[in-house]
C-alpha atoms as a PDB file:
ATOM      1  CA  MET A   1      25.653   4.612 -40.262  1.00  0.00           C
ATOM      2  CA  THR A   2      27.191   7.246 -42.873  1.00  0.00           C
ATOM      3  CA  GLN A   3      30.928   7.874 -43.579  1.00  0.00           C
ATOM      4  CA  LYS A   4      30.728  10.952 -41.697  1.00  0.00           C
ATOM      5  CA  ASN A   5      29.171   9.416 -38.774  1.00  0.00           C
ATOM      6  CA  GLU A   6      31.727   6.668 -38.944  1.00  0.00           C
ATOM      7  CA  ILE A   7      34.799   9.153 -38.900  1.00  0.00           C
ATOM      8  CA  ALA A   8      33.278  10.845 -35.885  1.00  0.00           C
ATOM      9  CA  VAL A   9      32.960   7.916 -33.790  1.00  0.00           C
ATOM     10  CA  LYS A  10      36.661   6.556 -34.964  1.00  0.00           C
ATOM     11  CA  PRO A  11      38.456   8.606 -32.117  1.00  0.00           C
ATOM     12  CA  LEU A  12      35.937   6.941 -29.437  1.00  0.00           C
ATOM     13  CA  ASP A  13      37.286   3.302 -30.033  1.00  0.00           C
ATOM     14  CA  LYS A  14      38.939   2.988 -26.556  1.00  0.00           C
ATOM     15  CA  PHE A  15      35.875   4.237 -25.064  1.00  0.00           C
ATOM     16  CA  LYS A  16      33.317   1.878 -27.286  1.00  0.00           C
ATOM     17  CA  ASN A  17      35.821  -1.077 -26.477  1.00  0.00           C
ATOM     18  CA  ASN A  18      35.476  -0.600 -22.524  1.00  0.00           C
ATOM     19  CA  LEU A  19      32.049  -0.346 -22.912  1.00  0.00           C
ATOM     20  CA  GLU A  20      31.296  -3.400 -24.856  1.00  0.00           C
ATOM     21  CA  SER A  21      33.502  -5.024 -22.735  1.00  0.00           C
ATOM     22  CA  LEU A  22      31.639  -4.113 -19.572  1.00  0.00           C
ATOM     23  CA  ILE A  23      28.404  -5.133 -21.215  1.00  0.00           C
ATOM     24  CA  THR A  24      29.802  -8.509 -22.301  1.00  0.00           C
ATOM     25  CA  THR A  25      31.133  -9.450 -19.235  1.00  0.00           C
ATOM     26  CA  ASN A  26      28.379  -8.384 -17.159  1.00  0.00           C
ATOM     27  CA  ILE A  27      25.511  -9.392 -19.354  1.00  0.00           C
ATOM     28  CA  LYS A  28      23.986 -11.811 -16.962  1.00  0.00           C
ATOM     29  CA  ALA A  29      23.859  -9.177 -14.449  1.00  0.00           C
ATOM     30  CA  LEU A  30      21.613  -6.752 -16.874  1.00  0.00           C
ATOM     31  CA  PRO A  31      17.824  -6.762 -17.074  1.00  0.00           C
ATOM     32  CA  SER A  32      16.712  -8.947 -19.762  1.00  0.00           C
ATOM     33  CA  ASP A  33      14.218  -6.242 -21.328  1.00  0.00           C
ATOM     34  CA  VAL A  34      17.078  -3.645 -21.561  1.00  0.00           C
ATOM     35  CA  ASN A  35      18.177  -3.429 -25.279  1.00  0.00           C
ATOM     36  CA  SER A  36      21.863  -2.704 -24.215  1.00  0.00           C
ATOM     37  CA  ASP A  37      22.779  -2.704 -28.018  1.00  0.00           C
ATOM     38  CA  ARG A  38      20.649   0.096 -28.877  1.00  0.00           C
ATOM     39  CA  LEU A  39      21.328   2.102 -25.854  1.00  0.00           C
ATOM     40  CA  LYS A  40      25.173   1.610 -26.379  1.00  0.00           C
ATOM     41  CA  LEU A  41      24.754   2.736 -30.022  1.00  0.00           C
ATOM     42  CA  ASN A  42      22.501   5.918 -29.102  1.00  0.00           C
ATOM     43  CA  ALA A  43      25.122   6.862 -26.064  1.00  0.00           C
ATOM     44  CA  LEU A  44      27.917   6.389 -28.937  1.00  0.00           C
ATOM     45  CA  MET A  45      26.178   8.808 -31.075  1.00  0.00           C
ATOM     46  CA  TYR A  46      25.110  11.342 -28.495  1.00  0.00           C
ATOM     47  CA  ILE A  47      28.660  11.497 -27.193  1.00  0.00           C
ATOM     48  CA  SER A  48      30.384  11.616 -31.000  1.00  0.00           C
ATOM     49  CA  GLN A  49      28.056  14.446 -31.394  1.00  0.00           C
ATOM     50  CA  ASN A  50      29.168  16.813 -28.345  1.00  0.00           C
ATOM     51  CA  ALA A  51      32.882  17.944 -28.538  1.00  0.00           C
ATOM     52  CA  GLN A  52      33.072  18.020 -24.603  1.00  0.00           C
ATOM     53  CA  LEU A  53      31.880  14.501 -24.206  1.00  0.00           C
ATOM     54  CA  MET A  54      34.250  13.447 -26.894  1.00  0.00           C
ATOM     55  CA  THR A  55      37.355  14.893 -25.160  1.00  0.00           C
ATOM     56  CA  LEU A  56      36.087  13.127 -21.859  1.00  0.00           C
ATOM     57  CA  ALA A  57      35.426  10.122 -23.688  1.00  0.00           C
ATOM     58  CA  GLN A  58      39.141   9.916 -25.312  1.00  0.00           C
ATOM     59  CA  GLU A  59      40.788  11.017 -22.057  1.00  0.00           C
ATOM     60  CA  LYS A  60      38.981   8.748 -19.575  1.00  0.00           C
ATOM     61  CA  PRO A  61      37.598   6.016 -21.573  1.00  0.00           C
ATOM     62  CA  ALA A  62      36.873   3.761 -18.370  1.00  0.00           C
ATOM     63  CA  LEU A  63      35.495   6.212 -16.276  1.00  0.00           C
ATOM     64  CA  THR A  64      33.151   6.932 -19.257  1.00  0.00           C
ATOM     65  CA  ALA A  65      32.227   3.565 -20.180  1.00  0.00           C
ATOM     66  CA  GLN A  66      31.100   2.858 -16.327  1.00  0.00           C
ATOM     67  CA  ILE A  67      29.214   6.005 -16.336  1.00  0.00           C
ATOM     68  CA  VAL A  68      27.281   4.728 -19.757  1.00  0.00           C
ATOM     69  CA  TYR A  69      27.191   1.238 -18.466  1.00  0.00           C
ATOM     70  CA  ASN A  70      25.202   2.212 -15.527  1.00  0.00           C
ATOM     71  CA  PHE A  71      22.719   4.274 -17.720  1.00  0.00           C
ATOM     72  CA  VAL A  72      22.570   0.904 -19.939  1.00  0.00           C
ATOM     73  CA  ALA A  73      21.813  -1.146 -16.776  1.00  0.00           C
ATOM     74  CA  LEU A  74      18.779   1.514 -15.983  1.00  0.00           C
ATOM     75  CA  GLY A  75      17.436   1.076 -19.400  1.00  0.00           C
ATOM     76  CA  LEU A  76      17.848   5.015 -19.793  1.00  0.00           C
ATOM     77  CA  ASP A  77      18.838   6.579 -23.399  1.00  0.00           C
ATOM     78  CA  MET A  78      21.078   9.517 -23.521  1.00  0.00           C
ATOM     79  CA  SER A  79      19.570  10.288 -26.890  1.00  0.00           C
ATOM     80  CA  ASN A  80      16.257  10.741 -25.420  1.00  0.00           C
ATOM     81  CA  ARG A  81      17.525  13.046 -22.856  1.00  0.00           C
ATOM     82  CA  GLU A  82      16.828  10.542 -20.093  1.00  0.00           C
ATOM     83  CA  CYS A  83      20.113  11.061 -18.732  1.00  0.00           C
ATOM     84  CA  TYR A  84      23.376  13.485 -19.164  1.00  0.00           C
ATOM     85  CA  ILE A  85      27.087  13.801 -18.386  1.00  0.00           C
ATOM     86  CA  ILE A  86      28.668  16.952 -17.989  1.00  0.00           C
ATOM     87  CA  PRO A  87      32.492  17.216 -17.715  1.00  0.00           C
ATOM     88  CA  PHE A  88      32.997  19.019 -14.793  1.00  0.00           C
ATOM     89  CA  GLY A  89      36.401  18.948 -12.546  1.00  0.00           C
ATOM     90  CA  GLN A  90      38.199  15.551 -12.279  1.00  0.00           C
ATOM     91  CA  THR A  91      34.947  13.757 -11.915  1.00  0.00           C
ATOM     92  CA  PRO A  92      32.115  14.226 -14.338  1.00  0.00           C
ATOM     93  CA  THR A  93      28.651  15.046 -13.133  1.00  0.00           C
ATOM     94  CA  VAL A  94      25.733  12.626 -13.943  1.00  0.00           C
ATOM     95  CA  ILE A  95      22.283  13.780 -13.949  1.00  0.00           C
ATOM     96  CA  ARG A  96      18.978  11.770 -14.763  1.00  0.00           C
ATOM     97  CA  ASP A  97      16.553  13.973 -16.337  1.00  0.00           C
ATOM     98  CA  TYR A  98      12.821  13.887 -15.145  1.00  0.00           C
ATOM     99  CA  LYS A  99      12.059  11.665 -17.898  1.00  0.00           C
ATOM    100  CA  GLY A 100      14.298   9.169 -16.825  1.00  0.00           C
ATOM    101  CA  GLU A 101      13.206   9.486 -13.061  1.00  0.00           C
ATOM    102  CA  GLU A 102       9.634   8.913 -14.324  1.00  0.00           C
ATOM    103  CA  LYS A 103      10.609   5.664 -16.583  1.00  0.00           C
ATOM    104  CA  LEU A 104      12.368   4.241 -13.409  1.00  0.00           C
ATOM    105  CA  ALA A 105       9.329   5.235 -11.153  1.00  0.00           C
ATOM    106  CA  LYS A 106       6.687   3.483 -13.403  1.00  0.00           C
ATOM    107  CA  LYS A 107       9.185   0.219 -13.777  1.00  0.00           C
ATOM    108  CA  TYR A 108      10.135  -0.309 -10.339  1.00  0.00           C
ATOM    109  CA  SER A 109       7.450   1.009  -8.085  1.00  0.00           C
ATOM    110  CA  VAL A 110       6.326  -1.137  -5.334  1.00  0.00           C
ATOM    111  CA  LYS A 111       2.611   0.072  -5.808  1.00  0.00           C
ATOM    112  CA  PRO A 112       1.969   0.024  -9.751  1.00  0.00           C
ATOM    113  CA  ILE A 113       1.913   3.400 -11.298  1.00  0.00           C
ATOM    114  CA  LYS A 114      -0.590   4.005 -14.099  1.00  0.00           C
ATOM    115  CA  SER A 115       0.848   7.406 -15.079  1.00  0.00           C
ATOM    116  CA  ILE A 116       3.062  10.002 -13.826  1.00  0.00           C
ATOM    117  CA  LYS A 117       2.152  13.864 -14.993  1.00  0.00           C
ATOM    118  CA  SER A 118       4.653  16.676 -14.459  1.00  0.00           C
ATOM    119  CA  ASN A 119       4.659  20.164 -15.724  1.00  0.00           C
ATOM    120  CA  ILE A 120       5.899  23.834 -15.048  1.00  0.00           C
ATOM    121  CA  VAL A 121       3.568  26.417 -14.473  1.00  0.00           C
ATOM    122  CA  ARG A 122       3.829  30.160 -15.830  1.00  0.00           C
ATOM    123  CA  ARG A 123       2.717  33.264 -14.199  1.00  0.00           C
ATOM    124  CA  THR A 124      -0.455  33.716 -16.334  1.00  0.00           C
ATOM    125  CA  ASP A 125      -1.486  29.872 -16.297  1.00  0.00           C
ATOM    126  CA  GLU A 126      -4.628  29.054 -14.633  1.00  0.00           C
ATOM    127  CA  GLN A 127      -4.095  26.793 -11.530  1.00  0.00           C
ATOM    128  CA  GLY A 128      -5.346  26.013  -8.364  1.00  0.00           C
ATOM    129  CA  PHE A 129      -7.927  23.345  -6.794  1.00  0.00           C
ATOM    130  CA  ASP A 130     -11.362  22.886  -7.756  1.00  0.00           C
ATOM    131  CA  GLU A 131     -14.330  22.332  -5.061  1.00  0.00           C
ATOM    132  CA  ASN A 132     -13.464  18.633  -4.928  1.00  0.00           C
ATOM    133  CA  GLY A 133      -9.962  19.388  -4.033  1.00  0.00           C
ATOM    134  CA  ASN A 134      -8.434  18.391  -7.283  1.00  0.00           C
ATOM    135  CA  PHE A 135      -5.498  20.248  -8.657  1.00  0.00           C
ATOM    136  CA  PHE A 136      -6.095  21.668 -12.048  1.00  0.00           C
ATOM    137  CA  HIS A 137      -3.629  23.531 -14.538  1.00  0.00           C
ATOM    138  CA  ARG A 138      -4.800  25.076 -17.714  1.00  0.00           C
ATOM    139  CA  TYR A 139      -3.106  27.242 -20.365  1.00  0.00           C
ATOM    140  CA  ASN A 140      -2.910  27.813 -23.935  1.00  0.00           C
ATOM    141  CA  ALA A 141      -0.562  25.559 -25.768  1.00  0.00           C
ATOM    142  CA  PHE A 142       0.051  27.697 -28.360  1.00  0.00           C
ATOM    143  CA  ALA A 143       0.953  30.687 -26.517  1.00  0.00           C
ATOM    144  CA  THR A 144       4.645  31.751 -26.438  1.00  0.00           C
ATOM    145  CA  ASP A 145       6.638  31.516 -23.393  1.00  0.00           C
ATOM    146  CA  LYS A 146       6.461  35.421 -23.023  1.00  0.00           C
ATOM    147  CA  ASP A 147       2.889  35.483 -23.246  1.00  0.00           C
ATOM    148  CA  ARG A 148       2.311  33.086 -20.490  1.00  0.00           C
ATOM    149  CA  GLY A 149       5.212  34.658 -18.444  1.00  0.00           C
ATOM    150  CA  GLU A 150       7.852  33.475 -16.196  1.00  0.00           C
ATOM    151  CA  ILE A 151       8.001  30.204 -14.404  1.00  0.00           C
ATOM    152  CA  ILE A 152       6.480  30.219 -10.827  1.00  0.00           C
ATOM    153  CA  GLY A 153       6.496  26.594 -10.177  1.00  0.00           C
ATOM    154  CA  ALA A 154       6.508  23.018 -11.070  1.00  0.00           C
ATOM    155  CA  TYR A 155       4.230  19.938 -10.387  1.00  0.00           C
ATOM    156  CA  CYS A 156       4.049  15.934 -10.346  1.00  0.00           C
ATOM    157  CA  LYS A 157       0.959  13.999  -9.839  1.00  0.00           C
ATOM    158  CA  VAL A 158       1.634  10.200  -9.703  1.00  0.00           C
ATOM    159  CA  ILE A 159      -1.560   7.961 -10.462  1.00  0.00           C
ATOM    160  CA  TYR A 160      -1.614   4.643  -9.228  1.00  0.00           C
ATOM    161  CA  GLU A 161      -3.323   1.571 -10.895  1.00  0.00           C
ATOM    162  CA  ASP A 162      -6.124   1.930  -7.915  1.00  0.00           C
ATOM    163  CA  ASP A 163      -6.742   5.462  -8.927  1.00  0.00           C
ATOM    164  CA  SER A 164      -4.991   6.888  -5.987  1.00  0.00           C
ATOM    165  CA  TYR A 165      -2.520   9.646  -6.315  1.00  0.00           C
ATOM    166  CA  ASP A 166       0.084  11.773  -5.119  1.00  0.00           C
ATOM    167  CA  LEU A 167       0.337  15.243  -5.679  1.00  0.00           C
ATOM    168  CA  GLU A 168       3.645  17.654  -5.048  1.00  0.00           C
ATOM    169  CA  THR A 169       4.339  20.919  -5.920  1.00  0.00           C
ATOM    170  CA  VAL A 170       7.473  23.065  -5.784  1.00  0.00           C
ATOM    171  CA  ASN A 171       7.537  26.959  -5.849  1.00  0.00           C
ATOM    172  CA  ILE A 172      10.290  29.210  -6.822  1.00  0.00           C
ATOM    173  CA  ASP A 173      12.051  29.330  -3.754  1.00  0.00           C
ATOM    174  CA  GLU A 174      12.237  25.558  -3.315  1.00  0.00           C
ATOM    175  CA  VAL A 175      13.791  25.262  -6.887  1.00  0.00           C
ATOM    176  CA  LYS A 176      16.164  27.924  -6.032  1.00  0.00           C
ATOM    177  CA  ARG A 177      17.610  26.014  -3.056  1.00  0.00           C
ATOM    178  CA  VAL A 178      18.008  22.876  -5.302  1.00  0.00           C
ATOM    179  CA  LYS A 179      19.846  24.820  -7.761  1.00  0.00           C
ATOM    180  CA  ALA A 180      22.072  26.726  -5.126  1.00  0.00           C
ATOM    181  CA  VAL A 181      23.804  23.241  -4.174  1.00  0.00           C
ATOM    182  CA  SER A 182      24.234  22.109  -7.947  1.00  0.00           C
ATOM    183  CA  LYS A 183      27.929  21.747  -8.826  1.00  0.00           C
ATOM    184  CA  THR A 184      27.276  22.643 -12.240  1.00  0.00           C
ATOM    185  CA  ALA A 185      24.426  25.555 -12.070  1.00  0.00           C
ATOM    186  CA  ASN A 186      26.807  28.540 -13.019  1.00  0.00           C
ATOM    187  CA  ARG A 187      28.289  26.468 -15.994  1.00  0.00           C
ATOM    188  CA  GLU A 188      27.179  27.376 -19.363  1.00  0.00           C
ATOM    189  CA  ASP A 189      26.728  23.921 -20.224  1.00  0.00           C
ATOM    190  CA  SER A 190      24.743  22.911 -17.255  1.00  0.00           C
ATOM    191  CA  VAL A 191      21.292  21.389 -17.907  1.00  0.00           C
ATOM    192  CA  TRP A 192      20.159  24.164 -15.454  1.00  0.00           C
ATOM    193  CA  ASN A 193      20.705  26.707 -18.347  1.00  0.00           C
ATOM    194  CA  LYS A 194      20.414  24.532 -21.323  1.00  0.00           C
ATOM    195  CA  TRP A 195      17.098  22.704 -20.103  1.00  0.00           C
ATOM    196  CA  GLU A 196      15.987  24.998 -17.539  1.00  0.00           C
ATOM    197  CA  GLU A 197      11.890  23.652 -17.542  1.00  0.00           C
ATOM    198  CA  ALA A 198      13.447  20.055 -17.396  1.00  0.00           C
ATOM    199  CA  MET A 199      15.265  20.669 -14.448  1.00  0.00           C
ATOM    200  CA  TRP A 200      11.895  22.656 -12.457  1.00  0.00           C
ATOM    201  CA  ARG A 201       9.702  19.322 -13.502  1.00  0.00           C
ATOM    202  CA  LYS A 202      12.717  17.186 -12.173  1.00  0.00           C
ATOM    203  CA  THR A 203      12.679  18.997  -8.845  1.00  0.00           C
ATOM    204  CA  ALA A 204       8.840  18.245  -8.550  1.00  0.00           C
ATOM    205  CA  VAL A 205       9.548  14.779  -9.775  1.00  0.00           C
ATOM    206  CA  LYS A 206      12.080  14.213  -7.104  1.00  0.00           C
ATOM    207  CA  LYS A 207       9.980  15.386  -4.251  1.00  0.00           C
ATOM    208  CA  SER A 208       7.345  12.822  -5.601  1.00  0.00           C
ATOM    209  CA  MET A 209       9.978  10.249  -5.231  1.00  0.00           C
ATOM    210  CA  LYS A 210       9.978  10.230  -1.646  1.00  0.00           C
ATOM    211  CA  HIS A 211       6.313   8.386  -1.659  1.00  0.00           C
ATOM    212  CA  ILE A 212       7.453   5.846  -4.066  1.00  0.00           C
ATOM    213  CA  PRO A 213       9.313   2.807  -2.487  1.00  0.00           C
ATOM    214  CA  LEU A 214      11.417   1.317  -5.528  1.00  0.00           C
ATOM    215  CA  ASP A 215      11.663  -2.673  -5.543  1.00  0.00           C
ATOM    216  CA  PHE A 216      14.649  -3.349  -8.148  1.00  0.00           C
ATOM    217  CA  LYS A 217      13.956  -7.340  -8.006  1.00  0.00           C
ATOM    218  CA  LYS A 218      10.343  -6.146  -9.153  1.00  0.00           C
ATOM    219  CA  ILE A 219      10.867  -6.633 -12.765  1.00  0.00           C
ATOM    220  CA  THR A 220      14.105  -8.220 -12.662  1.00  0.00           C
ATOM    221  CA  GLY A 221      13.435 -11.450 -10.674  1.00  0.00           C
ATOM    222  CA  SER A 222      16.916 -11.928  -9.494  1.00  0.00           C
ATOM    223  CA  ASP A 223      19.087 -11.054  -6.751  1.00  0.00           C
ATOM    224  CA  GLU A 224      22.085 -10.283  -9.048  1.00  0.00           C
ATOM    225  CA  VAL A 225      20.408  -8.089 -11.257  1.00  0.00           C
ATOM    226  CA  ALA A 226      18.411  -6.319  -8.584  1.00  0.00           C
ATOM    227  CA  ALA A 227      21.764  -5.607  -7.170  1.00  0.00           C
ATOM    228  CA  THR A 228      23.160  -3.895 -10.640  1.00  0.00           C
ATOM    229  CA  VAL A 229      20.229  -1.885 -11.001  1.00  0.00           C
ATOM    230  CA  GLU A 230      20.225  -0.754  -7.435  1.00  0.00           C
ATOM    231  CA  LYS A 231      23.849   0.386  -7.743  1.00  0.00           C
ATOM    232  CA  ALA A 232      23.367   1.941 -11.043  1.00  0.00           C
ATOM    233  CA  TYR A 233      20.444   3.769  -9.444  1.00  0.00           C
ATOM    234  CA  LYS A 234      22.542   5.425  -6.895  1.00  0.00           C
ATOM    235  CA  THR A 235      25.132   6.300  -8.859  1.00  0.00           C
ATOM    236  CA  THR A 236      23.765   8.182 -11.718  1.00  0.00           C
ATOM    237  CA  ASP A 237      22.411  11.339 -10.332  1.00  0.00           C
ATOM    238  CA  THR A 238      25.649  12.984  -8.552  1.00  0.00           C
ATOM    239  CA  ASP A 239      25.279  16.838  -9.282  1.00  0.00           C
ATOM    240  CA  PHE A 240      25.000  17.552  -5.388  1.00  0.00           C
ATOM    241  CA  ALA A 241      28.597  17.109  -3.593  1.00  0.00           C
ATOM    242  CA  PRO A 242      28.134  14.869  -0.124  1.00  0.00           C
ATOM    243  CA  SER A 243      28.890  18.101   1.913  1.00  0.00           C
ATOM    244  CA  GLU A 244      25.965  20.238   0.261  1.00  0.00           C
ATOM    245  CA  ARG A 245      22.801  18.471   1.286  1.00  0.00           C
ATOM    246  CA  ILE A 246      19.531  20.194   1.088  1.00  0.00           C
ATOM    247  CA  ASN A 247      17.882  21.120   4.719  1.00  0.00           C
ATOM    248  CA  ASN A 248      14.326  20.253   3.095  1.00  0.00           C
ATOM    249  CA  ASP A 249      14.103  16.793   3.095  1.00  0.00           C
ATOM    250  CA  ASP A 250      11.005  17.165   0.902  1.00  0.00           C
ATOM    251  CA  ILE A 251      13.420  18.254  -2.077  1.00  0.00           C
ATOM    252  CA  ILE A 252      16.418  15.827  -3.420  1.00  0.00           C
ATOM    253  CA  GLN A 253      18.444  13.483  -1.500  1.00  0.00           C
ATOM    254  CA  GLN A 254      22.260  12.952  -2.102  1.00  0.00           C
ATOM    255  CA  ASP A 255      23.062   9.743  -3.932  1.00  0.00           C
ATOM    256  CA  GLU A 256      26.727   7.963  -3.612  1.00  0.00           C
ATOM    257  CA  PRO A 257      29.825   8.844  -5.582  1.00  0.00           C
ATOM    258  CA  ILE A 258      30.182   7.388  -9.007  1.00  0.00           C
ATOM    259  CA  GLU A 259      31.817   3.585  -8.572  1.00  0.00           C
ATOM    260  CA  VAL A 260      34.425   3.229 -10.986  1.00  0.00           C
ATOM    261  CA  ILE A 261      36.087   0.111 -12.125  1.00  0.00           C
ATOM    262  CA  ASP A 262      39.916   0.846 -12.183  1.00  0.00           C
ATOM    263  CA  VAL A 263      40.803  -1.013 -15.843  1.00  0.00           C
ATOM    264  CA  GLU A 264      40.915  -0.164 -19.150  1.00  0.00           C
ATOM    265  CA  PHE A 265      40.751  -2.570 -22.000  1.00  0.00           C
ATOM    266  CA  GLU A 266      43.084  -2.203 -24.907  1.00  0.00           C
ATOM    267  CA  VAL A 267      41.903  -1.381 -28.196  1.00  0.00           C
ATOM    268  CA  LYS A 268      42.497  -4.053 -30.792  1.00  0.00           C
END
């Protein structure tokens, strides 16, 4: 680590100590295939490079540490944009990216998944169903966004190990309904504004998730670890308030509020 980065991280000592204490105390409750040290360091560096997250981690080190601990329990990497924290109101908004959703689906799906393919569709793209009923999407990978036109939809195709598949598509009306109930959509730092394409893809992936039962004991083999992962899963996508449900069950379900430990560890 460079001297510049060491200086940047110093204000995060209290957050860092909280997070390390959480991981150390609960290490037996974390999946054995999760590299907690790497995910911790990546989260620390990601937060140190974002002024708003730096402020959040300094003002609410225990809360921020609990959120990142939940990411670690799921094996999600902040530096790879698999998950986000948006400092919004008294309680930060926590969001899983489509990459995080796909990662968890492939890992914990009851029915083994071979691959998940998701993408956006722009106005001039070729798309539809062939004579065999198979969906196709073709476009010039080197064309500019302007040449391809505005986004008109997104899709997610889940291919299982037995070669069966599920396909879900979302149109602009569905995405607008999802965005309308997002607590952070109108903020400048919202993922809807920073990574609009990713949120379209996530909407399609989340719609596909209704077909994918998850078994958190499938990989962990332990009731204790499975309970930790399930709790983390329920608390790492909080962009919708409980009273702001979407009437279309095919879109996104409301998760539970963040569970926060009411404790802070002293910095030594």
